[in-house]
C-alpha atoms as a PDB file:
ATOM      1  CA  MET A   1       6.831  -2.836 -18.808  1.00  0.00           C
ATOM      2  CA  SER A   2       3.302  -4.113 -18.114  1.00  0.00           C
ATOM      3  CA  ALA A   3       0.509  -2.782 -15.893  1.00  0.00           C
ATOM      4  CA  GLU A   4       1.678  -5.231 -13.227  1.00  0.00           C
ATOM      5  CA  GLU A   5       5.069  -3.488 -13.013  1.00  0.00           C
ATOM      6  CA  ILE A   6       6.050   0.078 -12.230  1.00  0.00           C
ATOM      7  CA  ARG A   7       9.332   1.950 -11.860  1.00  0.00           C
ATOM      8  CA  GLY A   8      10.216   4.499  -9.225  1.00  0.00           C
ATOM      9  CA  ASN A   9      12.066   5.295  -6.023  1.00  0.00           C
ATOM     10  CA  CYS A  10      11.543   2.855  -3.170  1.00  0.00           C
ATOM     11  CA  PRO A  11      10.678   4.612   0.098  1.00  0.00           C
ATOM     12  CA  LEU A  12      12.204   1.677   2.012  1.00  0.00           C
ATOM     13  CA  CYS A  13      15.624   1.112   0.417  1.00  0.00           C
ATOM     14  CA  GLU A  14      15.750   4.554  -1.251  1.00  0.00           C
ATOM     15  CA  SER A  15      16.893   3.163  -4.593  1.00  0.00           C
ATOM     16  CA  TYR A  16      15.369   3.551  -8.049  1.00  0.00           C
ATOM     17  CA  GLY A  17      14.075   0.311  -9.485  1.00  0.00           C
ATOM     18  CA  MET A  18      11.264  -1.938 -10.625  1.00  0.00           C
ATOM     19  CA  PHE A  19       8.271  -2.987  -8.565  1.00  0.00           C
ATOM     20  CA  ARG A  20       6.045  -5.941  -9.396  1.00  0.00           C
ATOM     21  CA  GLU A  21       2.406  -6.113  -8.381  1.00  0.00           C
ATOM     22  CA  LEU A  22       1.762  -8.417  -5.424  1.00  0.00           C
ATOM     23  CA  SER A  23      -0.065 -11.603  -6.269  1.00  0.00           C
ATOM     24  CA  PHE A  24      -3.517 -12.407  -4.929  1.00  0.00           C
ATOM     25  CA  THR A  25      -1.937 -14.879  -2.467  1.00  0.00           C
ATOM     26  CA  GLU A  26       0.533 -12.271  -1.160  1.00  0.00           C
ATOM     27  CA  ASN A  27      -2.280  -9.744  -0.723  1.00  0.00           C
ATOM     28  CA  LEU A  28      -4.462 -12.366   0.943  1.00  0.00           C
ATOM     29  CA  ALA A  29      -1.786 -12.997   3.587  1.00  0.00           C
ATOM     30  CA  ASP A  30      -1.843  -9.302   4.481  1.00  0.00           C
ATOM     31  CA  LEU A  31      -5.649  -9.260   4.500  1.00  0.00           C
ATOM     32  CA  GLY A  32      -5.608 -12.170   6.950  1.00  0.00           C
ATOM     33  CA  GLY A  33      -3.582 -10.114   9.420  1.00  0.00           C
ATOM     34  CA  PHE A  34      -5.944  -7.189   8.980  1.00  0.00           C
ATOM     35  CA  VAL A  35      -9.054  -9.314   9.551  1.00  0.00           C
ATOM     36  CA  GLY A  36      -7.363 -11.096  12.466  1.00  0.00           C
ATOM     37  CA  GLY A  37      -6.624  -7.734  14.083  1.00  0.00           C
ATOM     38  CA  PHE A  38     -10.208  -6.690  13.490  1.00  0.00           C
ATOM     39  CA  PHE A  39     -11.526  -9.624  15.517  1.00  0.00           C
ATOM     40  CA  SER A  40      -8.884  -9.511  18.254  1.00  0.00           C
ATOM     41  CA  GLY A  41     -10.104  -6.407  20.065  1.00  0.00           C
ATOM     42  CA  LYS A  42      -9.066  -3.721  17.600  1.00  0.00           C
ATOM     43  CA  ALA A  43     -12.477  -3.467  15.972  1.00  0.00           C
ATOM     44  CA  ALA A  44     -13.053   0.219  16.786  1.00  0.00           C
ATOM     45  CA  LYS A  45      -9.780   1.292  15.175  1.00  0.00           C
ATOM     46  CA  HIS A  46     -10.331  -0.862  12.091  1.00  0.00           C
ATOM     47  CA  ALA A  47     -13.971   0.206  11.784  1.00  0.00           C
ATOM     48  CA  SER A  48     -12.925   3.860  11.591  1.00  0.00           C
ATOM     49  CA  VAL A  49     -10.266   2.976   8.996  1.00  0.00           C
ATOM     50  CA  LEU A  50     -12.881   1.157   6.907  1.00  0.00           C
ATOM     51  CA  ALA A  51     -15.275   4.107   7.203  1.00  0.00           C
ATOM     52  CA  ASN A  52     -12.599   6.589   6.153  1.00  0.00           C
ATOM     53  CA  SER A  53     -11.442   4.480   3.231  1.00  0.00           C
ATOM     54  CA  SER A  54     -14.974   4.121   1.870  1.00  0.00           C
ATOM     55  CA  SER A  55     -15.186   7.893   1.249  1.00  0.00           C
ATOM     56  CA  ASP A  56     -11.735   8.097  -0.381  1.00  0.00           C
ATOM     57  CA  SER A  57     -11.781   7.606  -4.159  1.00  0.00           C
ATOM     58  CA  ARG A  58      -8.052   6.833  -4.397  1.00  0.00           C
ATOM     59  CA  GLU A  59      -6.777   3.307  -4.952  1.00  0.00           C
ATOM     60  CA  PHE A  60      -3.503   1.911  -3.623  1.00  0.00           C
ATOM     61  CA  PRO A  61      -2.300  -1.105  -5.642  1.00  0.00           C
ATOM     62  CA  ASN A  62       0.290  -3.158  -3.767  1.00  0.00           C
ATOM     63  CA  TYR A  63       3.771  -3.817  -5.137  1.00  0.00           C
ATOM     64  CA  LYS A  64       7.018  -5.467  -4.071  1.00  0.00           C
ATOM     65  CA  CYS A  65      10.399  -3.800  -4.598  1.00  0.00           C
ATOM     66  CA  ASP A  66      12.775  -5.877  -6.733  1.00  0.00           C
ATOM     67  CA  ASN A  67      15.768  -4.386  -4.898  1.00  0.00           C
ATOM     68  CA  CYS A  68      14.873  -4.878  -1.223  1.00  0.00           C
ATOM     69  CA  GLY A  69      11.736  -7.080  -1.359  1.00  0.00           C
ATOM     70  CA  GLY A  70       9.771  -4.537   0.677  1.00  0.00           C
ATOM     71  CA  LYS A  71       6.042  -4.066   0.186  1.00  0.00           C
ATOM     72  CA  VAL A  72       4.852  -0.695  -1.072  1.00  0.00           C
ATOM     73  CA  MET A  73       1.726   0.872  -2.574  1.00  0.00           C
ATOM     74  CA  GLN A  74       1.176   3.519  -5.217  1.00  0.00           C
ATOM     75  CA  CYS A  75      -1.416   6.261  -4.867  1.00  0.00           C
ATOM     76  CA  SER A  76      -3.682   6.316  -7.922  1.00  0.00           C
ATOM     77  CA  ARG A  77      -4.085  10.089  -7.682  1.00  0.00           C
ATOM     78  CA  CYS A  78      -0.516  11.426  -7.286  1.00  0.00           C
ATOM     79  CA  LYS A  79       1.379   8.229  -8.318  1.00  0.00           C
ATOM     80  CA  GLU A  80       3.643   8.460  -5.244  1.00  0.00           C
ATOM     81  CA  ILE A  81       5.108   5.141  -4.078  1.00  0.00           C
ATOM     82  CA  ILE A  82       4.669   4.826  -0.317  1.00  0.00           C
ATOM     83  CA  PRO A  83       5.400   2.127   2.304  1.00  0.00           C
ATOM     84  CA  TYR A  84       2.732  -0.586   2.507  1.00  0.00           C
ATOM     85  CA  ALA A  85      -0.173  -0.101   4.926  1.00  0.00           C
ATOM     86  CA  HIS A  86      -3.570  -1.796   5.129  1.00  0.00           C
ATOM     87  CA  ASP A  87      -5.088   1.261   3.469  1.00  0.00           C
ATOM     88  CA  GLY A  88      -3.899   4.612   2.261  1.00  0.00           C
ATOM     89  CA  THR A  89      -6.085   6.928   4.325  1.00  0.00           C
ATOM     90  CA  SER A  90      -3.077   8.404   6.138  1.00  0.00           C
ATOM     91  CA  HIS A  91      -1.392   9.380   2.827  1.00  0.00           C
ATOM     92  CA  THR A  92      -1.664  13.034   1.849  1.00  0.00           C
ATOM     93  CA  CYS A  93      -1.089  13.717  -1.839  1.00  0.00           C
ATOM     94  CA  GLY A  94       1.553  16.298  -2.626  1.00  0.00           C
ATOM     95  CA  THR A  95       3.693  15.828   0.476  1.00  0.00           C
ATOM     96  CA  ARG A  96       6.405  13.718  -1.131  1.00  0.00           C
ATOM     97  CA  ARG A  97       9.754  13.726   0.697  1.00  0.00           C
ATOM     98  CA  ARG A  98      12.548  15.437  -1.201  1.00  0.00           C
END
């Protein structure tokens, strides 16, 4: 298993499996939607998200579930695999569903 792959429980399909890191192109497609939303009248919301994320030291690498194809991220602090979002500021470490 390389750094570009992780194993864990998928929060989308609820199965244990392998996740591969999203490619630059796949991440760029998501960034395009984020930037598009920023310029289409949602600037205040996105500006606050950017401000919040700048003070958060956690990273959220993006992965794709091999079982369901869903996009997820992994918190660098608690290692929890969570559904994909443009950033991880809404994630609270230590509140994993059981």
